[in-house]
ModelCIF file with pLDDT and N, C-alpha, C, O atoms, coordinates in Angstrom:
data_MODEL
#
_entry.id   MODEL 
#
_entity.id                         1 
_entity.type                       polymer 
_entity.pdbx_number_of_molecules   1 
#
_entity_poly.entity_id                      1 
_entity_poly.type                           'polypeptide(L)' 
_entity_poly.nstd_linkage                   no 
_entity_poly.nstd_monomer                   no 
_entity_poly.pdbx_seq_one_letter_code       
;(UNK)(UNK)(UNK)(UNK)(UNK)(UNK)(UNK)(UNK)(UNK)(UNK)(UNK)(UNK)(UNK)(UNK)(UNK)(UNK)
(UNK)(UNK)(UNK)(UNK)(UNK)(UNK)(UNK)(UNK)(UNK)(UNK)(UNK)(UNK)(UNK)(UNK)
;
_entity_poly.pdbx_seq_one_letter_code_can   XXXXXXXXXXXXXXXXXXXXXXXXXXXXXX 
_entity_poly.pdbx_strand_id                 A 
#
loop_
_entity_poly_seq.entity_id 
_entity_poly_seq.num 
_entity_poly_seq.mon_id 
_entity_poly_seq.hetero 
1 1  UNK n 
1 2  UNK n 
1 3  UNK n 
1 4  UNK n 
1 5  UNK n 
1 6  UNK n 
1 7  UNK n 
1 8  UNK n 
1 9  UNK n 
1 10 UNK n 
1 11 UNK n 
1 12 UNK n 
1 13 UNK n 
1 14 UNK n 
1 15 UNK n 
1 16 UNK n 
1 17 UNK n 
1 18 UNK n 
1 19 UNK n 
1 20 UNK n 
1 21 UNK n 
1 22 UNK n 
1 23 UNK n 
1 24 UNK n 
1 25 UNK n 
1 26 UNK n 
1 27 UNK n 
1 28 UNK n 
1 29 UNK n 
1 30 UNK n 
#
_struct_asym.id          A 
_struct_asym.entity_id   1 
#
loop_
_ma_qa_metric.id 
_ma_qa_metric.mode 
_ma_qa_metric.name 
_ma_qa_metric.software_group_id 
_ma_qa_metric.type 
1 global pLDDT . pLDDT 
2 local  pLDDT . pLDDT 
#
_ma_qa_metric_global.metric_id      1 
_ma_qa_metric_global.metric_value   87.03 
_ma_qa_metric_global.model_id       1 
_ma_qa_metric_global.ordinal_id     1 
#
loop_
_ma_qa_metric_local.label_asym_id 
_ma_qa_metric_local.label_comp_id 
_ma_qa_metric_local.label_seq_id 
_ma_qa_metric_local.metric_id 
_ma_qa_metric_local.metric_value 
_ma_qa_metric_local.model_id 
_ma_qa_metric_local.ordinal_id 
A UNK 1  2 96.00 1 1  
A UNK 2  2 96.00 1 2  
A UNK 3  2 97.00 1 3  
A UNK 4  2 97.00 1 4  
A UNK 5  2 96.00 1 5  
A UNK 6  2 97.00 1 6  
A UNK 7  2 97.00 1 7  
A UNK 8  2 96.00 1 8  
A UNK 9  2 96.00 1 9  
A UNK 10 2 96.00 1 10 
A UNK 11 2 96.00 1 11 
A UNK 12 2 94.00 1 12 
A UNK 13 2 95.00 1 13 
A UNK 14 2 95.00 1 14 
A UNK 15 2 93.00 1 15 
A UNK 16 2 89.00 1 16 
A UNK 17 2 90.00 1 17 
A UNK 18 2 90.00 1 18 
A UNK 19 2 87.00 1 19 
A UNK 20 2 88.00 1 20 
A UNK 21 2 85.00 1 21 
A UNK 22 2 83.00 1 22 
A UNK 23 2 82.00 1 23 
A UNK 24 2 77.00 1 24 
A UNK 25 2 73.00 1 25 
A UNK 26 2 77.00 1 26 
A UNK 27 2 68.00 1 27 
A UNK 28 2 66.00 1 28 
A UNK 29 2 64.00 1 29 
A UNK 30 2 55.00 1 30 
#
loop_
_atom_site.group_PDB 
_atom_site.id 
_atom_site.type_symbol 
_atom_site.label_atom_id 
_atom_site.label_alt_id 
_atom_site.label_comp_id 
_atom_site.label_asym_id 
_atom_site.label_entity_id 
_atom_site.label_seq_id 
_atom_site.pdbx_PDB_ins_code 
_atom_site.Cartn_x 
_atom_site.Cartn_y 
_atom_site.Cartn_z 
_atom_site.occupancy 
_atom_site.B_iso_or_equiv 
_atom_site.pdbx_formal_charge 
_atom_site.auth_seq_id 
_atom_site.auth_comp_id 
_atom_site.auth_asym_id 
_atom_site.auth_atom_id 
_atom_site.pdbx_PDB_model_num 
ATOM 1   N N  . UNK A 1 1  ? 18.617  11.797  4.071   1.00 96.00 ? 1  UNK A N  1 
ATOM 2   C CA . UNK A 1 1  ? 17.262  12.212  4.433   1.00 96.00 ? 1  UNK A CA 1 
ATOM 3   C C  . UNK A 1 1  ? 16.546  12.827  3.234   1.00 96.00 ? 1  UNK A C  1 
ATOM 4   O O  . UNK A 1 1  ? 15.386  12.517  2.963   1.00 96.00 ? 1  UNK A O  1 
ATOM 5   N N  . UNK A 1 2  ? 17.256  13.707  2.516   1.00 96.00 ? 2  UNK A N  1 
ATOM 6   C CA . UNK A 1 2  ? 16.651  14.378  1.360   1.00 96.00 ? 2  UNK A CA 1 
ATOM 7   C C  . UNK A 1 2  ? 16.311  13.372  0.271   1.00 96.00 ? 2  UNK A C  1 
ATOM 8   O O  . UNK A 1 2  ? 15.231  13.429  -0.316  1.00 96.00 ? 2  UNK A O  1 
ATOM 9   N N  . UNK A 1 3  ? 17.237  12.444  -0.003  1.00 97.00 ? 3  UNK A N  1 
ATOM 10  C CA . UNK A 1 3  ? 16.982  11.426  -1.029  1.00 97.00 ? 3  UNK A CA 1 
ATOM 11  C C  . UNK A 1 3  ? 15.765  10.578  -0.658  1.00 97.00 ? 3  UNK A C  1 
ATOM 12  O O  . UNK A 1 3  ? 14.934  10.277  -1.515  1.00 97.00 ? 3  UNK A O  1 
ATOM 13  N N  . UNK A 1 4  ? 15.660  10.196  0.605   1.00 97.00 ? 4  UNK A N  1 
ATOM 14  C CA . UNK A 1 4  ? 14.532  9.366   1.044   1.00 97.00 ? 4  UNK A CA 1 
ATOM 15  C C  . UNK A 1 4  ? 13.212  10.109  0.918   1.00 97.00 ? 4  UNK A C  1 
ATOM 16  O O  . UNK A 1 4  ? 12.195  9.518   0.554   1.00 97.00 ? 4  UNK A O  1 
ATOM 17  N N  . UNK A 1 5  ? 13.223  11.400  1.215   1.00 96.00 ? 5  UNK A N  1 
ATOM 18  C CA . UNK A 1 5  ? 12.008  12.217  1.065   1.00 96.00 ? 5  UNK A CA 1 
ATOM 19  C C  . UNK A 1 5  ? 11.567  12.248  -0.398  1.00 96.00 ? 5  UNK A C  1 
ATOM 20  O O  . UNK A 1 5  ? 10.393  12.046  -0.709  1.00 96.00 ? 5  UNK A O  1 
ATOM 21  N N  . UNK A 1 6  ? 12.533  12.506  -1.293  1.00 97.00 ? 6  UNK A N  1 
ATOM 22  C CA . UNK A 1 6  ? 12.210  12.571  -2.726  1.00 97.00 ? 6  UNK A CA 1 
ATOM 23  C C  . UNK A 1 6  ? 11.705  11.215  -3.227  1.00 97.00 ? 6  UNK A C  1 
ATOM 24  O O  . UNK A 1 6  ? 10.759  11.146  -4.012  1.00 97.00 ? 6  UNK A O  1 
ATOM 25  N N  . UNK A 1 7  ? 12.350  10.139  -2.762  1.00 97.00 ? 7  UNK A N  1 
ATOM 26  C CA . UNK A 1 7  ? 11.954  8.800   -3.188  1.00 97.00 ? 7  UNK A CA 1 
ATOM 27  C C  . UNK A 1 7  ? 10.514  8.492   -2.777  1.00 97.00 ? 7  UNK A C  1 
ATOM 28  O O  . UNK A 1 7  ? 9.737   7.967   -3.575  1.00 97.00 ? 7  UNK A O  1 
ATOM 29  N N  . UNK A 1 8  ? 10.164  8.813   -1.550  1.00 96.00 ? 8  UNK A N  1 
ATOM 30  C CA . UNK A 1 8  ? 8.809   8.531   -1.065  1.00 96.00 ? 8  UNK A CA 1 
ATOM 31  C C  . UNK A 1 8  ? 7.770   9.320   -1.861  1.00 96.00 ? 8  UNK A C  1 
ATOM 32  O O  . UNK A 1 8  ? 6.731   8.780   -2.240  1.00 96.00 ? 8  UNK A O  1 
ATOM 33  N N  . UNK A 1 9  ? 8.053   10.597  -2.111  1.00 96.00 ? 9  UNK A N  1 
ATOM 34  C CA . UNK A 1 9  ? 7.112   11.419  -2.881  1.00 96.00 ? 9  UNK A CA 1 
ATOM 35  C C  . UNK A 1 9  ? 6.936   10.854  -4.290  1.00 96.00 ? 9  UNK A C  1 
ATOM 36  O O  . UNK A 1 9  ? 5.818   10.768  -4.797  1.00 96.00 ? 9  UNK A O  1 
ATOM 37  N N  . UNK A 1 10 ? 8.059   10.466  -4.920  1.00 96.00 ? 10 UNK A N  1 
ATOM 38  C CA . UNK A 1 10 ? 7.985   9.925   -6.279  1.00 96.00 ? 10 UNK A CA 1 
ATOM 39  C C  . UNK A 1 10 ? 7.198   8.612   -6.319  1.00 96.00 ? 10 UNK A C  1 
ATOM 40  O O  . UNK A 1 10 ? 6.404   8.389   -7.233  1.00 96.00 ? 10 UNK A O  1 
ATOM 41  N N  . UNK A 1 11 ? 7.417   7.758   -5.339  1.00 96.00 ? 11 UNK A N  1 
ATOM 42  C CA . UNK A 1 11 ? 6.691   6.484   -5.300  1.00 96.00 ? 11 UNK A CA 1 
ATOM 43  C C  . UNK A 1 11 ? 5.195   6.701   -5.087  1.00 96.00 ? 11 UNK A C  1 
ATOM 44  O O  . UNK A 1 11 ? 4.374   6.039   -5.721  1.00 96.00 ? 11 UNK A O  1 
ATOM 45  N N  . UNK A 1 12 ? 4.844   7.624   -4.199  1.00 94.00 ? 12 UNK A N  1 
ATOM 46  C CA . UNK A 1 12 ? 3.424   7.886   -3.965  1.00 94.00 ? 12 UNK A CA 1 
ATOM 47  C C  . UNK A 1 12 ? 2.751   8.464   -5.200  1.00 94.00 ? 12 UNK A C  1 
ATOM 48  O O  . UNK A 1 12 ? 1.621   8.098   -5.521  1.00 94.00 ? 12 UNK A O  1 
ATOM 49  N N  . UNK A 1 13 ? 3.436   9.361   -5.889  1.00 95.00 ? 13 UNK A N  1 
ATOM 50  C CA . UNK A 1 13 ? 2.884   9.928   -7.122  1.00 95.00 ? 13 UNK A CA 1 
ATOM 51  C C  . UNK A 1 13 ? 2.730   8.861   -8.194  1.00 95.00 ? 13 UNK A C  1 
ATOM 52  O O  . UNK A 1 13 ? 1.731   8.829   -8.912  1.00 95.00 ? 13 UNK A O  1 
ATOM 53  N N  . UNK A 1 14 ? 3.728   7.985   -8.298  1.00 95.00 ? 14 UNK A N  1 
ATOM 54  C CA . UNK A 1 14 ? 3.660   6.909   -9.299  1.00 95.00 ? 14 UNK A CA 1 
ATOM 55  C C  . UNK A 1 14 ? 2.506   5.952   -8.993  1.00 95.00 ? 14 UNK A C  1 
ATOM 56  O O  . UNK A 1 14 ? 1.843   5.468   -9.910  1.00 95.00 ? 14 UNK A O  1 
ATOM 57  N N  . UNK A 1 15 ? 2.268   5.681   -7.719  1.00 93.00 ? 15 UNK A N  1 
ATOM 58  C CA . UNK A 1 15 ? 1.167   4.790   -7.330  1.00 93.00 ? 15 UNK A CA 1 
ATOM 59  C C  . UNK A 1 15 ? -0.181  5.404   -7.709  1.00 93.00 ? 15 UNK A C  1 
ATOM 60  O O  . UNK A 1 15 ? -1.074  4.707   -8.191  1.00 93.00 ? 15 UNK A O  1 
ATOM 61  N N  . UNK A 1 16 ? -0.323  6.716   -7.487  1.00 89.00 ? 16 UNK A N  1 
ATOM 62  C CA . UNK A 1 16 ? -1.563  7.400   -7.877  1.00 89.00 ? 16 UNK A CA 1 
ATOM 63  C C  . UNK A 1 16 ? -1.742  7.417   -9.395  1.00 89.00 ? 16 UNK A C  1 
ATOM 64  O O  . UNK A 1 16 ? -2.836  7.197   -9.914  1.00 89.00 ? 16 UNK A O  1 
ATOM 65  N N  . UNK A 1 17 ? -0.641  7.683   -10.084 1.00 90.00 ? 17 UNK A N  1 
ATOM 66  C CA . UNK A 1 17 ? -0.746  7.843   -11.539 1.00 90.00 ? 17 UNK A CA 1 
ATOM 67  C C  . UNK A 1 17 ? -0.984  6.510   -12.247 1.00 90.00 ? 17 UNK A C  1 
ATOM 68  O O  . UNK A 1 17 ? -1.812  6.428   -13.154 1.00 90.00 ? 17 UNK A O  1 
ATOM 69  N N  . UNK A 1 18 ? -0.263  5.472   -11.836 1.00 90.00 ? 18 UNK A N  1 
ATOM 70  C CA . UNK A 1 18 ? -0.337  4.195   -12.546 1.00 90.00 ? 18 UNK A CA 1 
ATOM 71  C C  . UNK A 1 18 ? -1.215  3.167   -11.836 1.00 90.00 ? 18 UNK A C  1 
ATOM 72  O O  . UNK A 1 18 ? -1.341  2.029   -12.289 1.00 90.00 ? 18 UNK A O  1 
ATOM 73  N N  . UNK A 1 19 ? -1.822  3.576   -10.719 1.00 87.00 ? 19 UNK A N  1 
ATOM 74  C CA . UNK A 1 19 ? -2.757  2.715   -9.977  1.00 87.00 ? 19 UNK A CA 1 
ATOM 75  C C  . UNK A 1 19 ? -2.124  1.371   -9.598  1.00 87.00 ? 19 UNK A C  1 
ATOM 76  O O  . UNK A 1 19 ? -2.726  0.309   -9.763  1.00 87.00 ? 19 UNK A O  1 
ATOM 77  N N  . UNK A 1 20 ? -0.899  1.453   -9.088  1.00 88.00 ? 20 UNK A N  1 
ATOM 78  C CA . UNK A 1 20 ? -0.217  0.228   -8.658  1.00 88.00 ? 20 UNK A CA 1 
ATOM 79  C C  . UNK A 1 20 ? -0.925  -0.361  -7.450  1.00 88.00 ? 20 UNK A C  1 
ATOM 80  O O  . UNK A 1 20 ? -1.276  0.353   -6.510  1.00 88.00 ? 20 UNK A O  1 
ATOM 81  N N  . UNK A 1 21 ? -1.129  -1.661  -7.486  1.00 85.00 ? 21 UNK A N  1 
ATOM 82  C CA . UNK A 1 21 ? -1.768  -2.359  -6.378  1.00 85.00 ? 21 UNK A CA 1 
ATOM 83  C C  . UNK A 1 21 ? -1.125  -3.732  -6.213  1.00 85.00 ? 21 UNK A C  1 
ATOM 84  O O  . UNK A 1 21 ? -0.331  -4.167  -7.047  1.00 85.00 ? 21 UNK A O  1 
ATOM 85  N N  . UNK A 1 22 ? -1.479  -4.400  -5.134  1.00 83.00 ? 22 UNK A N  1 
ATOM 86  C CA . UNK A 1 22 ? -1.042  -5.778  -4.963  1.00 83.00 ? 22 UNK A CA 1 
ATOM 87  C C  . UNK A 1 22 ? -1.720  -6.638  -6.031  1.00 83.00 ? 22 UNK A C  1 
ATOM 88  O O  . UNK A 1 22 ? -2.869  -6.380  -6.391  1.00 83.00 ? 22 UNK A O  1 
ATOM 89  N N  . UNK A 1 23 ? -1.025  -7.652  -6.539  1.00 82.00 ? 23 UNK A N  1 
ATOM 90  C CA . UNK A 1 23 ? -1.694  -8.581  -7.464  1.00 82.00 ? 23 UNK A CA 1 
ATOM 91  C C  . UNK A 1 23 ? -2.777  -9.371  -6.719  1.00 82.00 ? 23 UNK A C  1 
ATOM 92  O O  . UNK A 1 23 ? -2.729  -9.511  -5.497  1.00 82.00 ? 23 UNK A O  1 
ATOM 93  N N  . UNK A 1 24 ? -3.744  -9.880  -7.470  1.00 77.00 ? 24 UNK A N  1 
ATOM 94  C CA . UNK A 1 24 ? -4.892  -10.541 -6.849  1.00 77.00 ? 24 UNK A CA 1 
ATOM 95  C C  . UNK A 1 24 ? -4.503  -11.748 -6.001  1.00 77.00 ? 24 UNK A C  1 
ATOM 96  O O  . UNK A 1 24 ? -5.142  -12.023 -4.985  1.00 77.00 ? 24 UNK A O  1 
ATOM 97  N N  . UNK A 1 25 ? -3.452  -12.475 -6.413  1.00 73.00 ? 25 UNK A N  1 
ATOM 98  C CA . UNK A 1 25 ? -3.083  -13.660 -5.629  1.00 73.00 ? 25 UNK A CA 1 
ATOM 99  C C  . UNK A 1 25 ? -2.477  -13.293 -4.268  1.00 73.00 ? 25 UNK A C  1 
ATOM 100 O O  . UNK A 1 25 ? -2.296  -14.153 -3.406  1.00 73.00 ? 25 UNK A O  1 
ATOM 101 N N  . UNK A 1 26 ? -2.161  -11.980 -4.087  1.00 77.00 ? 26 UNK A N  1 
ATOM 102 C CA . UNK A 1 26 ? -1.687  -11.506 -2.785  1.00 77.00 ? 26 UNK A CA 1 
ATOM 103 C C  . UNK A 1 26 ? -2.748  -10.694 -2.046  1.00 77.00 ? 26 UNK A C  1 
ATOM 104 O O  . UNK A 1 26 ? -2.460  -10.039 -1.044  1.00 77.00 ? 26 UNK A O  1 
ATOM 105 N N  . UNK A 1 27 ? -3.959  -10.748 -2.547  1.00 68.00 ? 27 UNK A N  1 
ATOM 106 C CA . UNK A 1 27 ? -5.047  -10.070 -1.837  1.00 68.00 ? 27 UNK A CA 1 
ATOM 107 C C  . UNK A 1 27 ? -5.471  -8.762  -2.439  1.00 68.00 ? 27 UNK A C  1 
ATOM 108 O O  . UNK A 1 27 ? -6.270  -8.042  -1.841  1.00 68.00 ? 27 UNK A O  1 
ATOM 109 N N  . UNK A 1 28 ? -4.956  -8.426  -3.619  1.00 66.00 ? 28 UNK A N  1 
ATOM 110 C CA . UNK A 1 28 ? -5.324  -7.175  -4.242  1.00 66.00 ? 28 UNK A CA 1 
ATOM 111 C C  . UNK A 1 28 ? -6.773  -7.187  -4.725  1.00 66.00 ? 28 UNK A C  1 
ATOM 112 O O  . UNK A 1 28 ? -7.280  -8.221  -5.160  1.00 66.00 ? 28 UNK A O  1 
ATOM 113 N N  . UNK A 1 29 ? -7.444  -6.021  -4.646  1.00 64.00 ? 29 UNK A N  1 
ATOM 114 C CA . UNK A 1 29 ? -8.819  -5.862  -5.141  1.00 64.00 ? 29 UNK A CA 1 
ATOM 115 C C  . UNK A 1 29 ? -8.847  -4.700  -6.102  1.00 64.00 ? 29 UNK A C  1 
ATOM 116 O O  . UNK A 1 29 ? -7.831  -4.046  -6.335  1.00 64.00 ? 29 UNK A O  1 
ATOM 117 N N  . UNK A 1 30 ? -10.007 -4.447  -6.656  1.00 55.00 ? 30 UNK A N  1 
ATOM 118 C CA . UNK A 1 30 ? -10.135 -3.357  -7.621  1.00 55.00 ? 30 UNK A CA 1 
ATOM 119 C C  . UNK A 1 30 ? -10.634 -2.065  -7.009  1.00 55.00 ? 30 UNK A C  1 
ATOM 120 O O  . UNK A 1 30 ? -10.786 -1.067  -7.714  1.00 55.00 ? 30 UNK A O  1 
#
């Protein structure tokens, strides 16, 4: 449970920091 909590927080922070999105061919927009 603790590992999963840390993993989710790290992934969300990484998405905010590096602006990860779906690629355009999968429907990603800007």
